[in-house]
Every structure is written in C-alpha cells, then in structure tokens.
Amino acid sequence: NDESGNHITFDNTGNKYAACGPQSGKWGFGTVTTLQPGWNTISWEESISHKGSPFRLALLDQTETARIVLLDHIPHNDESTPIFNIESTYFTYKMSINIPDVKCSQCSLQLLYIMTDKTTKCGISSCYYNPNDAACKGSTDETAATCAGAPNSQTCIAENECFSNYHSFTDVVINGKQSIESFAMDGQPSNWPYKNQTMQFYSLEASTWKNGWLENLPEEFTTDYTTLKC
C-alpha cells in the first residue's frame, strides 16, 4: 500500500521504475518489519501473468541499492492465470529465504519481476537488468520503434536491457551483527538450483509450482516458516 493506505495496483506504471516503484525514497512510510537472521518465508501475489518471466529477491540498503541477492532466477509459474482486478484469482507464490547475519536499521526487501515475455518478443533473447535504466523503449536508437509493452518511449542506455520490470518491496530492520557492506552481492545458498545462472541476465524462465511452492527444491526453500508476507 502507499502512504495513504491505498493498494498499489499493477496498472500504476510507477511500479516499473527502480528501485521501489512509486514509493522510492519513502522508507518507513508503511509497515516496517523486524527480521532475525535465518530462514523466513515470504509470499507475493501475481495479478498479471507474464509467461516465462522470472523473479529476484534482494536486500537493498538505505540508498535503495541492491546489496545482497538472496535468490535469483526464480522461475515463473506459467500455469498462473489471474484475472486483473479480481484478487481471488491471483496466484500466491511462496518461498523461504535465508536472511544473512546482517545488521541493518534501514533496509528493504525487494521483489523484482523481469518481464522477459516482452523482451523476447522484441528480439532480445537474453536481457540485462540495469537498475539505473529499468524502464525504457527497448532500444538505444531514437528513431527505432518502441517495443510492444515498453513502459515509455525513452531510449535505453544500452542495448539488450530488460526494459520492462515490476519493482515491489517491503521495508525491514534486520537484527544481525555484520554490516551489509561486508557481504558479497551473491548471497544465494550454495544449494539453490538456479545459482549457476548469471545474475542480472534473464531470458524465458519457467517451472512447475504446486500449492504456491516451486517444486523440486531442497526442503529448506519449501519449509513454511511464516514470518513475513509482502
């Protein structure tokens, strides 16, 4: 929700601008959740299905810069068939993540939804997510046609960028011991099955989900710790 308590819907194209959509720069305007390091379960709803479009979960610091990628290349559920504006049809994803031993009084947990269904239709088989240019026309050529589904007609900084993305977040305080700067960008557990895929480069990525959970994962990722919903 925004600071007035109104639900931020996906027809608000501000969600497509990094790092936190229309609420960027407003840390703490809503609920702030305190987390302890260790395993936590989160869930999110999909109101519009973009087939083959993967997700990423990351911790942002107080400048809204992604510091620790918790899970990358979370594959899409292509069986998800939500009807826009009918919330009872939305698909709920569930995923358990390991929060590192980080001390952070002003962090955000970001969910990135990379719409590779749009990039591939525009001839970009693998796109690069650039947080400084996360919403553009799909080309660096001012005279080129704007890709279908692009959020605007602004030229991109570089070719083959992921030009259309959704940014969701929840503000968190984490009661760990180490500064966020001391962690590597790649904070994915070693047994995350998609860890070997290159971070920030995305293509069509989908897999099978059942009862909200991604199948064929090590059990810690599908254990319901039920401590956070965003």
C-alpha atoms as a PDB file:
ATOM      1  CA  ASN A   1       0.000   0.000   0.000  1.00  0.00           C
ATOM      2  CA  ASP A   2       1.014   3.626  -0.439  1.00  0.00           C
ATOM      3  CA  GLU A   3       1.283   6.142   2.401  1.00  0.00           C
ATOM      4  CA  SER A   4      -2.465   6.811   2.168  1.00  0.00           C
ATOM      5  CA  GLY A   5      -3.249   3.135   2.655  1.00  0.00           C
ATOM      6  CA  ASN A   6      -4.270   2.551  -0.957  1.00  0.00           C
ATOM      7  CA  HIS A   7      -3.260  -0.658  -2.668  1.00  0.00           C
ATOM      8  CA  ILE A   8      -0.585  -0.079  -5.314  1.00  0.00           C
ATOM      9  CA  THR A   9      -2.013  -1.856  -8.348  1.00  0.00           C
ATOM     10  CA  PHE A  10      -0.137  -3.074 -11.384  1.00  0.00           C
ATOM     11  CA  ASP A  11      -1.877  -0.524 -13.615  1.00  0.00           C
ATOM     12  CA  ASN A  12       0.326   2.030 -11.835  1.00  0.00           C
ATOM     13  CA  THR A  13       3.279   2.150 -14.220  1.00  0.00           C
ATOM     14  CA  GLY A  14       5.357   3.728 -11.473  1.00  0.00           C
ATOM     15  CA  ASN A  15       5.914   0.164 -10.254  1.00  0.00           C
ATOM     16  CA  LYS A  16       8.147  -0.240 -13.285  1.00  0.00           C
ATOM     17  CA  TYR A  17      10.699   2.288 -12.069  1.00  0.00           C
ATOM     18  CA  ALA A  18      13.555   1.188  -9.811  1.00  0.00           C
ATOM     19  CA  ALA A  19      14.191   0.589  -7.088  1.00  0.00           C
ATOM     20  CA  CYS A  20      10.897   0.630  -5.210  1.00  0.00           C
ATOM     21  CA  GLY A  21       8.374   1.875  -7.749  1.00  0.00           C
ATOM     22  CA  PRO A  22       6.308   4.948  -6.826  1.00  0.00           C
ATOM     23  CA  GLN A  23       7.418   4.698  -3.191  1.00  0.00           C
ATOM     24  CA  SER A  24      11.138   5.079  -3.854  1.00  0.00           C
ATOM     25  CA  GLY A  25      12.764   7.342  -1.293  1.00  0.00           C
ATOM     26  CA  LYS A  26       9.969   6.865   1.250  1.00  0.00           C
ATOM     27  CA  TRP A  27      11.432   4.251   3.594  1.00  0.00           C
ATOM     28  CA  GLY A  28       9.177   3.572   6.574  1.00  0.00           C
ATOM     29  CA  PHE A  29       6.011   5.137   5.143  1.00  0.00           C
ATOM     30  CA  GLY A  30       4.093   1.929   5.873  1.00  0.00           C
ATOM     31  CA  THR A  31       4.739  -1.173   7.924  1.00  0.00           C
ATOM     32  CA  VAL A  32       8.342  -1.851   8.902  1.00  0.00           C
ATOM     33  CA  THR A  33       9.042  -5.498   9.709  1.00  0.00           C
ATOM     34  CA  THR A  34      11.823  -6.569  12.063  1.00  0.00           C
ATOM     35  CA  LEU A  35      13.606  -9.731  10.961  1.00  0.00           C
ATOM     36  CA  GLN A  36      16.050 -12.035  12.646  1.00  0.00           C
ATOM     37  CA  PRO A  37      18.787 -13.680  10.581  1.00  0.00           C
ATOM     38  CA  GLY A  38      17.892 -17.166   9.430  1.00  0.00           C
ATOM     39  CA  TRP A  39      15.123 -18.733   7.403  1.00  0.00           C
ATOM     40  CA  ASN A  40      11.979 -16.718   6.752  1.00  0.00           C
ATOM     41  CA  THR A  41       9.018 -17.431   4.486  1.00  0.00           C
ATOM     42  CA  ILE A  42       7.608 -14.756   2.237  1.00  0.00           C
ATOM     43  CA  SER A  43       4.707 -14.724  -0.201  1.00  0.00           C
ATOM     44  CA  TRP A  44       3.629 -12.490  -3.035  1.00  0.00           C
ATOM     45  CA  GLU A  45       0.638 -12.311  -5.360  1.00  0.00           C
ATOM     46  CA  GLU A  46       0.642 -12.176  -9.137  1.00  0.00           C
ATOM     47  CA  SER A  47      -2.185 -10.091 -10.587  1.00  0.00           C
ATOM     48  CA  ILE A  48      -0.981 -10.170 -14.198  1.00  0.00           C
ATOM     49  CA  SER A  49       0.783 -13.218 -15.606  1.00  0.00           C
ATOM     50  CA  HIS A  50       3.829 -12.720 -17.799  1.00  0.00           C
ATOM     51  CA  LYS A  51       4.750 -16.160 -19.081  1.00  0.00           C
ATOM     52  CA  GLY A  52       8.385 -17.108 -18.666  1.00  0.00           C
ATOM     53  CA  SER A  53       9.167 -14.004 -16.611  1.00  0.00           C
ATOM     54  CA  PRO A  54      11.424 -14.745 -13.608  1.00  0.00           C
ATOM     55  CA  PHE A  55      11.719 -13.117 -10.178  1.00  0.00           C
ATOM     56  CA  ARG A  56      14.591 -11.962  -7.988  1.00  0.00           C
ATOM     57  CA  LEU A  57      14.684 -11.325  -4.228  1.00  0.00           C
ATOM     58  CA  ALA A  58      17.314  -8.950  -2.859  1.00  0.00           C
ATOM     59  CA  LEU A  59      18.149  -6.807   0.143  1.00  0.00           C
ATOM     60  CA  LEU A  60      18.524  -3.088  -0.540  1.00  0.00           C
ATOM     61  CA  ASP A  61      20.479  -0.719   1.669  1.00  0.00           C
ATOM     62  CA  GLN A  62      19.287   2.718   2.808  1.00  0.00           C
ATOM     63  CA  THR A  63      20.190   4.195  -0.597  1.00  0.00           C
ATOM     64  CA  GLU A  64      17.919   1.602  -2.262  1.00  0.00           C
ATOM     65  CA  THR A  65      20.920  -0.116  -3.825  1.00  0.00           C
ATOM     66  CA  ALA A  66      20.777  -3.900  -4.106  1.00  0.00           C
ATOM     67  CA  ARG A  67      23.497  -5.203  -1.799  1.00  0.00           C
ATOM     68  CA  ILE A  68      22.673  -8.875  -1.335  1.00  0.00           C
ATOM     69  CA  VAL A  69      20.842 -11.044  -3.851  1.00  0.00           C
ATOM     70  CA  LEU A  70      19.047 -13.660  -1.760  1.00  0.00           C
ATOM     71  CA  LEU A  71      17.591 -15.695  -4.643  1.00  0.00           C
ATOM     72  CA  ASP A  72      17.867 -15.049  -8.356  1.00  0.00           C
ATOM     73  CA  HIS A  73      16.260 -16.625 -11.401  1.00  0.00           C
ATOM     74  CA  ILE A  74      13.161 -17.761  -9.520  1.00  0.00           C
ATOM     75  CA  PRO A  75      11.219 -19.319 -12.407  1.00  0.00           C
ATOM     76  CA  HIS A  76       7.713 -18.234 -13.288  1.00  0.00           C
ATOM     77  CA  ASN A  77       4.594 -20.361 -12.909  1.00  0.00           C
ATOM     78  CA  ASP A  78       3.184 -20.399 -16.430  1.00  0.00           C
ATOM     79  CA  GLU A  79       0.038 -22.129 -15.134  1.00  0.00           C
ATOM     80  CA  SER A  80      -0.845 -18.925 -13.273  1.00  0.00           C
ATOM     81  CA  THR A  81      -3.975 -17.377 -14.825  1.00  0.00           C
ATOM     82  CA  PRO A  82      -5.012 -14.366 -12.739  1.00  0.00           C
ATOM     83  CA  ILE A  83      -7.801 -12.067 -13.875  1.00  0.00           C
ATOM     84  CA  PHE A  84      -6.802  -8.459 -13.431  1.00  0.00           C
ATOM     85  CA  ASN A  85      -8.679  -6.660 -10.628  1.00  0.00           C
ATOM     86  CA  ILE A  86     -10.207  -9.917  -9.336  1.00  0.00           C
ATOM     87  CA  GLU A  87      -7.925 -10.634  -6.400  1.00  0.00           C
ATOM     88  CA  SER A  88      -9.466 -14.037  -5.657  1.00  0.00           C
ATOM     89  CA  THR A  89      -7.903 -15.267  -8.931  1.00  0.00           C
ATOM     90  CA  TYR A  90      -4.386 -14.012  -8.181  1.00  0.00           C
ATOM     91  CA  PHE A  91      -1.703 -16.662  -7.798  1.00  0.00           C
ATOM     92  CA  THR A  92       0.171 -16.639  -4.493  1.00  0.00           C
ATOM     93  CA  TYR A  93       3.836 -17.578  -4.663  1.00  0.00           C
ATOM     94  CA  LYS A  94       5.649 -18.827  -1.561  1.00  0.00           C
ATOM     95  CA  MET A  95       9.374 -19.035  -0.994  1.00  0.00           C
ATOM     96  CA  SER A  96      11.603 -19.442   2.048  1.00  0.00           C
ATOM     97  CA  ILE A  97      14.784 -17.393   2.100  1.00  0.00           C
ATOM     98  CA  ASN A  98      17.823 -17.298   4.354  1.00  0.00           C
ATOM     99  CA  ILE A  99      18.350 -13.813   5.784  1.00  0.00           C
ATOM    100  CA  PRO A 100      22.087 -13.324   6.422  1.00  0.00           C
ATOM    101  CA  ASP A 101      23.578 -12.172   9.717  1.00  0.00           C
ATOM    102  CA  VAL A 102      23.356  -8.540   8.688  1.00  0.00           C
ATOM    103  CA  LYS A 103      22.767  -5.560  10.947  1.00  0.00           C
ATOM    104  CA  CYS A 104      20.591  -3.068   9.113  1.00  0.00           C
ATOM    105  CA  SER A 105      18.339  -0.426  10.622  1.00  0.00           C
ATOM    106  CA  GLN A 106      17.021   0.782   7.262  1.00  0.00           C
ATOM    107  CA  CYS A 107      16.871  -1.929   4.615  1.00  0.00           C
ATOM    108  CA  SER A 108      14.262  -3.060   2.117  1.00  0.00           C
ATOM    109  CA  LEU A 109      13.414  -6.494   0.790  1.00  0.00           C
ATOM    110  CA  GLN A 110      12.860  -6.086  -2.942  1.00  0.00           C
ATOM    111  CA  LEU A 111      10.945  -8.375  -5.278  1.00  0.00           C
ATOM    112  CA  LEU A 112      11.969  -7.834  -8.880  1.00  0.00           C
ATOM    113  CA  TYR A 113       9.742  -9.234 -11.651  1.00  0.00           C
ATOM    114  CA  ILE A 114      11.560  -9.171 -15.003  1.00  0.00           C
ATOM    115  CA  MET A 115       9.128  -9.229 -17.932  1.00  0.00           C
ATOM    116  CA  THR A 116      11.129 -11.330 -20.347  1.00  0.00           C
ATOM    117  CA  ASP A 117       7.956 -12.163 -22.255  1.00  0.00           C
ATOM    118  CA  LYS A 118       8.213  -8.602 -23.594  1.00  0.00           C
ATOM    119  CA  THR A 119      11.955  -8.565 -24.250  1.00  0.00           C
ATOM    120  CA  THR A 120      11.916 -11.859 -26.158  1.00  0.00           C
ATOM    121  CA  LYS A 121       9.019 -10.668 -28.323  1.00  0.00           C
ATOM    122  CA  CYS A 122      11.180  -7.656 -29.180  1.00  0.00           C
ATOM    123  CA  GLY A 123      14.036  -9.893 -30.342  1.00  0.00           C
ATOM    124  CA  ILE A 124      16.093  -9.803 -27.124  1.00  0.00           C
ATOM    125  CA  SER A 125      16.660 -13.449 -26.183  1.00  0.00           C
ATOM    126  CA  SER A 126      18.649 -12.575 -23.051  1.00  0.00           C
ATOM    127  CA  CYS A 127      18.353  -9.167 -21.407  1.00  0.00           C
ATOM    128  CA  TYR A 128      20.449  -7.342 -18.831  1.00  0.00           C
ATOM    129  CA  TYR A 129      18.714  -5.781 -15.822  1.00  0.00           C
ATOM    130  CA  ASN A 130      20.118  -2.300 -15.274  1.00  0.00           C
ATOM    131  CA  PRO A 131      18.687  -0.725 -12.095  1.00  0.00           C
ATOM    132  CA  ASN A 132      19.648   2.703 -13.427  1.00  0.00           C
ATOM    133  CA  ASP A 133      17.661   2.169 -16.615  1.00  0.00           C
ATOM    134  CA  ALA A 134      14.873  -0.246 -15.702  1.00  0.00           C
ATOM    135  CA  ALA A 135      12.141   1.378 -17.799  1.00  0.00           C
ATOM    136  CA  CYS A 136      12.803   2.339 -21.416  1.00  0.00           C
ATOM    137  CA  LYS A 137      11.666   1.694 -25.000  1.00  0.00           C
ATOM    138  CA  GLY A 138      13.834  -1.374 -25.698  1.00  0.00           C
ATOM    139  CA  SER A 139      16.402   0.268 -27.964  1.00  0.00           C
ATOM    140  CA  THR A 140      19.170   2.869 -27.914  1.00  0.00           C
ATOM    141  CA  ASP A 141      18.052   4.133 -31.327  1.00  0.00           C
ATOM    142  CA  GLU A 142      15.903   7.251 -31.048  1.00  0.00           C
ATOM    143  CA  THR A 143      14.364   6.518 -34.450  1.00  0.00           C
ATOM    144  CA  ALA A 144      13.544   2.862 -33.739  1.00  0.00           C
ATOM    145  CA  ALA A 145      10.025   1.771 -32.930  1.00  0.00           C
ATOM    146  CA  THR A 146       9.186   1.340 -29.263  1.00  0.00           C
ATOM    147  CA  CYS A 147       8.951  -2.322 -28.277  1.00  0.00           C
ATOM    148  CA  ALA A 148       5.451  -3.599 -27.591  1.00  0.00           C
ATOM    149  CA  GLY A 149       4.668  -3.367 -23.886  1.00  0.00           C
ATOM    150  CA  ALA A 150       7.505  -0.967 -23.112  1.00  0.00           C
ATOM    151  CA  PRO A 151       6.613   1.433 -20.275  1.00  0.00           C
ATOM    152  CA  ASN A 152       7.643   4.534 -22.229  1.00  0.00           C
ATOM    153  CA  SER A 153       9.338   5.732 -25.421  1.00  0.00           C
ATOM    154  CA  GLN A 154      12.625   6.810 -23.823  1.00  0.00           C
ATOM    155  CA  THR A 155      15.772   5.389 -25.398  1.00  0.00           C
ATOM    156  CA  CYS A 156      17.698   2.860 -23.330  1.00  0.00           C
ATOM    157  CA  ILE A 157      21.231   3.464 -22.082  1.00  0.00           C
ATOM    158  CA  ALA A 158      22.484   0.208 -23.600  1.00  0.00           C
ATOM    159  CA  GLU A 159      21.234  -2.425 -25.989  1.00  0.00           C
ATOM    160  CA  ASN A 160      19.582  -5.634 -24.782  1.00  0.00           C
ATOM    161  CA  GLU A 161      18.405  -4.221 -21.476  1.00  0.00           C
ATOM    162  CA  CYS A 162      15.448  -5.658 -19.571  1.00  0.00           C
ATOM    163  CA  PHE A 163      13.300  -2.666 -20.438  1.00  0.00           C
ATOM    164  CA  SER A 164      10.120  -3.548 -18.525  1.00  0.00           C
ATOM    165  CA  ASN A 165      10.199  -4.694 -14.895  1.00  0.00           C
ATOM    166  CA  TYR A 166       7.995  -4.571 -11.813  1.00  0.00           C
ATOM    167  CA  HIS A 167       9.524  -3.455  -8.509  1.00  0.00           C
ATOM    168  CA  SER A 168       7.862  -4.349  -5.199  1.00  0.00           C
ATOM    169  CA  PHE A 169       9.352  -4.021  -1.742  1.00  0.00           C
ATOM    170  CA  THR A 170       8.781  -4.143   1.982  1.00  0.00           C
ATOM    171  CA  ASP A 171      10.839  -2.155   4.493  1.00  0.00           C
ATOM    172  CA  VAL A 172      12.724  -4.173   7.070  1.00  0.00           C
ATOM    173  CA  VAL A 173      15.031  -3.887  10.069  1.00  0.00           C
ATOM    174  CA  ILE A 174      17.392  -6.833  10.468  1.00  0.00           C
ATOM    175  CA  ASN A 175      18.920  -7.594  13.854  1.00  0.00           C
ATOM    176  CA  GLY A 176      22.131  -9.253  12.756  1.00  0.00           C
ATOM    177  CA  LYS A 177      25.752  -8.463  13.626  1.00  0.00           C
ATOM    178  CA  GLN A 178      27.593  -7.623  10.400  1.00  0.00           C
ATOM    179  CA  SER A 179      27.358  -4.542   8.194  1.00  0.00           C
ATOM    180  CA  ILE A 180      25.614  -5.034   4.877  1.00  0.00           C
ATOM    181  CA  GLU A 181      28.725  -3.733   3.085  1.00  0.00           C
ATOM    182  CA  SER A 182      30.706  -6.752   4.323  1.00  0.00           C
ATOM    183  CA  PHE A 183      28.609  -9.192   2.278  1.00  0.00           C
ATOM    184  CA  ALA A 184      29.127 -10.250  -1.310  1.00  0.00           C
ATOM    185  CA  MET A 185      26.438  -9.368  -3.823  1.00  0.00           C
ATOM    186  CA  ASP A 186      25.668 -13.045  -4.404  1.00  0.00           C
ATOM    187  CA  GLY A 187      24.073 -14.228  -1.175  1.00  0.00           C
ATOM    188  CA  GLN A 188      22.303 -17.230  -2.675  1.00  0.00           C
ATOM    189  CA  PRO A 189      22.663 -20.517  -0.785  1.00  0.00           C
ATOM    190  CA  SER A 190      25.026 -22.967  -2.444  1.00  0.00           C
ATOM    191  CA  ASN A 191      22.208 -25.479  -2.993  1.00  0.00           C
ATOM    192  CA  TRP A 192      19.849 -23.049  -4.745  1.00  0.00           C
ATOM    193  CA  PRO A 193      19.297 -24.909  -8.050  1.00  0.00           C
ATOM    194  CA  TYR A 194      19.485 -21.750 -10.185  1.00  0.00           C
ATOM    195  CA  LYS A 195      22.624 -20.313  -8.591  1.00  0.00           C
ATOM    196  CA  ASN A 196      24.770 -21.163 -11.617  1.00  0.00           C
ATOM    197  CA  GLN A 197      22.795 -18.794 -13.846  1.00  0.00           C
ATOM    198  CA  THR A 198      24.354 -15.374 -14.355  1.00  0.00           C
ATOM    199  CA  MET A 199      22.865 -12.703 -12.112  1.00  0.00           C
ATOM    200  CA  GLN A 200      21.140  -9.757 -13.809  1.00  0.00           C
ATOM    201  CA  PHE A 201      20.838 -11.568 -17.165  1.00  0.00           C
ATOM    202  CA  TYR A 202      17.407 -13.058 -17.868  1.00  0.00           C
ATOM    203  CA  SER A 203      15.508 -14.973 -20.521  1.00  0.00           C
ATOM    204  CA  LEU A 204      12.298 -17.012 -20.562  1.00  0.00           C
ATOM    205  CA  GLU A 205      12.373 -18.990 -17.297  1.00  0.00           C
ATOM    206  CA  ALA A 206       9.502 -21.119 -16.012  1.00  0.00           C
ATOM    207  CA  SER A 207       8.992 -24.231 -13.927  1.00  0.00           C
ATOM    208  CA  THR A 208       6.317 -26.173 -12.040  1.00  0.00           C
ATOM    209  CA  TRP A 209       4.663 -24.808  -8.889  1.00  0.00           C
ATOM    210  CA  LYS A 210       2.248 -26.687  -6.639  1.00  0.00           C
ATOM    211  CA  ASN A 211       0.138 -25.155  -3.881  1.00  0.00           C
ATOM    212  CA  GLY A 212       2.162 -21.978  -4.175  1.00  0.00           C
ATOM    213  CA  TRP A 213       5.564 -23.655  -3.839  1.00  0.00           C
ATOM    214  CA  LEU A 214       8.187 -24.243  -6.505  1.00  0.00           C
ATOM    215  CA  GLU A 215       8.728 -27.977  -6.962  1.00  0.00           C
ATOM    216  CA  ASN A 216      11.992 -29.934  -6.884  1.00  0.00           C
ATOM    217  CA  LEU A 217      13.792 -27.705  -4.383  1.00  0.00           C
ATOM    218  CA  PRO A 218      15.786 -28.641  -1.276  1.00  0.00           C
ATOM    219  CA  GLU A 219      13.364 -28.735   1.643  1.00  0.00           C
ATOM    220  CA  GLU A 220      14.569 -25.564   3.372  1.00  0.00           C
ATOM    221  CA  PHE A 221      13.244 -23.474   0.487  1.00  0.00           C
ATOM    222  CA  THR A 222       9.769 -25.004   0.801  1.00  0.00           C
ATOM    223  CA  THR A 223       9.501 -25.180   4.587  1.00  0.00           C
ATOM    224  CA  ASP A 224       6.860 -22.685   5.722  1.00  0.00           C
ATOM    225  CA  TYR A 225       8.464 -20.517   8.401  1.00  0.00           C
ATOM    226  CA  THR A 226       5.593 -17.979   8.054  1.00  0.00           C
ATOM    227  CA  THR A 227       7.225 -14.860   9.422  1.00  0.00           C
ATOM    228  CA  LEU A 228       6.715 -12.336   6.650  1.00  0.00           C
ATOM    229  CA  LYS A 229       4.172 -11.588   3.934  1.00  0.00           C
ATOM    230  CA  CYS A 230       4.778  -8.870   1.368  1.00  0.00           C
END
